[in-house]
Protein backbone atom coordinates (compact mmCIF):
# COMPACT_ATOMS: atom_id res chain seq x y z
CA MET A 1 -4.67 -13.31 -1.58
CA SER A 2 -4.91 -14.82 -5.22
CA ASP A 3 -2.53 -15.83 -7.98
CA HIS A 4 -5.49 -16.01 -9.88
CA ARG A 5 -3.87 -14.91 -13.26
CA PRO A 6 -6.64 -13.55 -15.62
CA ASP A 7 -7.15 -15.28 -19.33
CA PRO A 8 -6.12 -12.98 -21.86
CA ARG A 9 -8.95 -14.18 -24.15
CA ASP A 10 -11.65 -12.66 -21.39
CA PRO A 11 -11.35 -8.84 -21.36
CA LEU A 12 -13.98 -9.59 -18.08
CA SER A 13 -11.36 -11.61 -16.16
CA GLU A 14 -8.68 -9.01 -17.35
CA LEU A 15 -10.94 -5.92 -15.90
CA SER A 16 -11.50 -7.80 -12.65
CA ALA A 17 -8.31 -8.41 -12.36
CA SER A 18 -6.91 -4.78 -12.82
CA GLU A 19 -9.77 -3.44 -10.74
CA GLN A 20 -8.88 -5.52 -8.17
CA ALA A 21 -5.19 -4.64 -8.32
CA LEU A 22 -6.30 -0.89 -7.95
CA TYR A 23 -8.63 -1.75 -4.79
CA LEU A 24 -5.90 -3.37 -3.12
CA ARG A 25 -3.59 -0.46 -4.06
CA ARG A 26 -6.20 2.30 -2.70
CA SER A 27 -7.08 0.51 0.59
CA SER A 28 -3.24 -0.16 1.25
CA LEU A 29 -2.56 3.90 0.97
CA ARG A 30 -5.84 4.46 2.89
CA PHE A 31 -4.41 2.01 5.73
CA LEU A 32 -1.05 3.79 5.45
CA GLU A 33 -2.53 7.45 6.07
CA CYS A 34 -4.63 5.88 8.95
CA ALA A 35 -1.36 4.70 10.87
CA ILE A 36 0.18 7.97 9.74
CA HIS A 37 -2.31 9.82 11.54
CA LEU A 38 -2.57 7.54 14.66
CA CYS A 39 1.13 7.89 14.81
CA ALA A 40 1.00 11.95 14.60
CA THR A 41 -1.62 11.79 17.51
CA HIS A 42 1.23 10.13 20.09
CA MET A 43 4.32 11.40 18.63
CA THR A 44 5.66 14.76 17.23
CA LEU A 45 5.49 15.35 13.91
CA GLU A 46 9.08 14.97 13.58
CA GLU A 47 9.32 11.67 15.39
CA VAL A 48 6.88 10.40 12.84
CA ALA A 49 8.91 11.84 9.86
CA ASP A 50 11.94 10.14 11.21
CA LEU A 51 10.20 6.89 11.71
CA LEU A 52 8.61 6.93 8.10
CA GLU A 53 12.61 8.11 6.66
CA GLN A 54 13.74 4.90 8.64
CA GLU A 55 11.02 2.81 7.16
CA ALA A 56 11.62 4.12 3.67
CA GLU A 57 15.61 3.54 3.92
CA GLN A 58 15.14 0.01 4.95
CA LEU A 59 12.50 -0.77 1.79
CA ARG A 60 15.14 0.78 -0.29
CA ARG A 61 17.92 -1.45 1.33
CA PHE A 62 16.22 -4.47 1.56
CA GLY A 63 13.23 -4.30 -0.79
């Protein structure tokens, strides 16, 4: 990933950075959804829910 910061005097650069961030967010969400669906094909829904809850707890605790 790039740490390129948009030039506040350049609206195109700012728009590009904003759209890139939105694209990466959407891509990350799609990947997560696919991973959850894959887990659900090989685990019970209860197991998937437990796993997600454990992961959420770790994120909250350790960031």
